[in-house]
């Protein structure tokens, strides 16, 4: 494997791992809150589970971008011969938005979901209105990172 291919694959790995770290930390924060609430109010399981699972989307976005990079590199068909250094750096850079957005939004979304779960214990009618809606607002920034990465990886950047 040459350096250009390694650089592009490093970008794919970073997209999956960094966004996955954000998701796993967010899931952990929300899961801890849900465990506490559900030990006292098990009837709140449905919405609590939705709020726990919501931060997992960032990891999924990173994984999808990694798959697109691997498809573009034809990894499953033997790889591309003579991949240019410029293209590999572009693919690497294209993976960074989903990785960084996924890391920070996953953690922050997990904190917001944990707050929503705690709210669910006292005021269940506010669980969807405040808990889920506020967490979905954070999701918007993960989607923006995903879209920037997707467009960069699939369409590239042409200058001049």
Protein backbone atom coordinates (compact mmCIF):
# COMPACT_ATOMS: atom_id res chain seq x y z
CA UNK A 1 0.00 0.00 0.00
CA UNK A 2 1.42 3.38 -0.92
CA UNK A 3 1.38 6.57 1.16
CA UNK A 4 -1.49 8.15 -0.74
CA UNK A 5 -3.79 5.21 -0.04
CA UNK A 6 -2.71 5.18 3.61
CA UNK A 7 -3.54 8.89 4.01
CA UNK A 8 -7.01 8.43 2.51
CA UNK A 9 -7.71 5.37 4.67
CA UNK A 10 -6.49 7.23 7.76
CA UNK A 11 -9.17 9.84 7.05
CA UNK A 12 -11.80 7.10 6.84
CA UNK A 13 -10.59 5.62 10.13
CA UNK A 14 -10.65 9.02 11.83
CA UNK A 15 -14.22 9.64 10.62
CA UNK A 16 -15.40 6.39 12.17
CA UNK A 17 -13.36 6.44 15.36
CA UNK A 18 -13.67 10.10 16.35
CA UNK A 19 -17.39 10.34 15.60
CA UNK A 20 -17.78 6.98 17.34
CA UNK A 21 -16.08 8.32 20.46
CA UNK A 22 -18.55 11.23 20.53
CA UNK A 23 -21.44 8.80 20.19
CA UNK A 24 -20.19 6.41 22.82
CA UNK A 25 -19.58 9.17 25.37
CA UNK A 26 -23.02 10.64 24.62
CA UNK A 27 -24.67 7.24 24.90
CA UNK A 28 -22.93 6.64 28.20
CA UNK A 29 -24.08 9.96 29.67
CA UNK A 30 -27.68 9.40 28.60
CA UNK A 31 -27.62 5.75 29.63
CA UNK A 32 -26.50 6.57 33.15
CA UNK A 33 -29.32 9.08 33.53
CA UNK A 34 -31.85 6.58 32.15
CA UNK A 35 -30.69 3.84 34.50
CA UNK A 36 -31.28 6.12 37.46
CA UNK A 37 -34.71 7.28 36.32
CA UNK A 38 -35.90 3.84 35.22
CA UNK A 39 -34.96 2.30 38.56
CA UNK A 40 -37.69 4.48 40.09
CA UNK A 41 -40.08 4.93 37.14
CA UNK A 42 -39.85 1.95 34.75
CA UNK A 43 -42.98 3.12 32.91
CA UNK A 44 -40.84 5.87 31.29
CA UNK A 45 -38.84 3.27 29.36
CA UNK A 46 -40.01 4.16 25.83
CA UNK A 47 -39.02 7.82 25.63
CA UNK A 48 -35.98 7.27 27.84
CA UNK A 49 -34.70 4.67 25.38
CA UNK A 50 -35.21 7.03 22.46
CA UNK A 51 -33.22 9.71 24.27
CA UNK A 52 -30.44 7.24 25.09
CA UNK A 53 -30.14 6.04 21.49
CA UNK A 54 -30.21 9.49 19.86
CA UNK A 55 -26.46 10.25 20.28
CA UNK A 56 -25.60 7.10 18.33
CA UNK A 57 -26.34 8.82 15.02
CA UNK A 58 -23.01 10.65 15.02
CA UNK A 59 -21.13 7.36 14.96
CA UNK A 60 -23.35 6.19 12.12
CA UNK A 61 -22.56 9.34 10.12
CA UNK A 62 -18.82 8.77 10.56
CA UNK A 63 -19.18 5.14 9.52
CA UNK A 64 -21.14 6.05 6.38
CA UNK A 65 -18.49 8.58 5.33
CA UNK A 66 -15.82 5.90 5.85
CA UNK A 67 -17.76 3.53 3.60
CA UNK A 68 -18.00 6.20 0.90
CA UNK A 69 -14.24 6.77 1.09
CA UNK A 70 -13.59 3.05 0.77
CA UNK A 71 -16.00 2.79 -2.16
CA UNK A 72 -14.32 5.76 -3.85
CA UNK A 73 -10.94 4.08 -3.34
CA UNK A 74 -12.37 0.78 -4.66
CA UNK A 75 -11.04 -0.99 -1.56
CA UNK A 76 -13.48 -3.86 -2.01
CA UNK A 77 -12.41 -4.33 -5.62
CA UNK A 78 -8.65 -4.26 -5.16
CA UNK A 79 -7.93 -0.57 -4.76
CA UNK A 80 -7.06 2.27 -7.12
CA UNK A 81 -3.72 2.23 -8.89
CA UNK A 82 -1.80 5.51 -8.89
CA UNK A 83 -3.91 7.43 -6.37
CA UNK A 84 -2.56 10.97 -6.32
CA UNK A 85 -1.33 12.56 -3.13
CA UNK A 86 -3.68 15.52 -3.73
CA UNK A 87 -6.73 13.27 -3.96
CA UNK A 88 -5.75 11.34 -0.85
CA UNK A 89 -5.25 14.54 1.16
CA UNK A 90 -8.61 15.80 -0.09
CA UNK A 91 -10.29 12.57 1.04
CA UNK A 92 -8.54 12.82 4.40
CA UNK A 93 -9.63 16.43 4.83
CA UNK A 94 -13.15 15.53 3.71
CA UNK A 95 -13.44 13.12 6.63
CA UNK A 96 -12.58 15.73 9.26
CA UNK A 97 -15.91 17.64 9.36
CA UNK A 98 -17.95 14.55 10.25
CA UNK A 99 -15.32 13.43 12.74
CA UNK A 100 -15.09 16.74 14.58
CA UNK A 101 -18.81 17.55 14.42
CA UNK A 102 -19.61 14.00 15.51
CA UNK A 103 -17.25 14.15 18.46
CA UNK A 104 -18.56 17.38 19.93
CA UNK A 105 -22.22 17.05 19.00
CA UNK A 106 -22.35 13.45 20.22
CA UNK A 107 -21.06 14.43 23.65
CA UNK A 108 -23.24 17.52 23.91
CA UNK A 109 -26.28 15.65 22.64
CA UNK A 110 -25.68 12.98 25.27
CA UNK A 111 -25.63 15.66 27.96
CA UNK A 112 -28.86 17.15 26.63
CA UNK A 113 -30.50 13.72 26.41
CA UNK A 114 -29.46 13.03 30.00
CA UNK A 115 -31.12 16.28 31.02
CA UNK A 116 -34.24 15.31 29.08
CA UNK A 117 -34.32 11.94 30.80
CA UNK A 118 -34.07 13.59 34.21
CA UNK A 119 -36.90 15.94 33.20
CA UNK A 120 -38.91 12.90 32.15
CA UNK A 121 -38.86 11.65 35.73
CA UNK A 122 -40.57 14.75 37.11
CA UNK A 123 -42.58 16.05 34.14
CA UNK A 124 -43.18 13.31 31.56
CA UNK A 125 -45.26 15.62 29.35
CA UNK A 126 -42.12 17.76 28.82
CA UNK A 127 -40.00 14.80 27.71
CA UNK A 128 -40.81 15.19 24.03
CA UNK A 129 -41.29 18.94 24.02
CA UNK A 130 -38.04 19.86 25.71
CA UNK A 131 -35.92 16.73 26.03
CA UNK A 132 -36.24 15.34 22.52
CA UNK A 133 -36.65 18.64 20.69
CA UNK A 134 -33.57 20.22 22.26
CA UNK A 135 -31.50 17.13 21.55
CA UNK A 136 -32.68 17.17 17.92
CA UNK A 137 -31.42 20.75 17.59
CA UNK A 138 -27.92 19.53 18.42
CA UNK A 139 -28.32 16.81 15.77
CA UNK A 140 -28.51 19.55 13.13
CA UNK A 141 -24.81 20.31 13.55
CA UNK A 142 -23.86 16.66 13.22
CA UNK A 143 -25.87 16.59 9.98
CA UNK A 144 -24.01 19.67 8.71
CA UNK A 145 -20.66 17.97 9.36
CA UNK A 146 -21.93 14.85 7.62
CA UNK A 147 -23.09 16.82 4.57
CA UNK A 148 -19.81 18.73 4.23
CA UNK A 149 -17.88 15.47 4.44
CA UNK A 150 -20.22 13.71 2.02
CA UNK A 151 -19.99 16.48 -0.59
CA UNK A 152 -16.22 16.75 -0.26
CA UNK A 153 -15.63 13.01 -0.48
CA UNK A 154 -18.07 12.35 -3.31
CA UNK A 155 -17.71 15.49 -5.43
CA UNK A 156 -14.28 16.77 -4.43
CA UNK A 157 -13.04 20.31 -4.52
CA UNK A 158 -11.96 21.80 -7.80
CA UNK A 159 -9.92 24.98 -7.64
CA UNK A 160 -9.13 27.08 -10.69
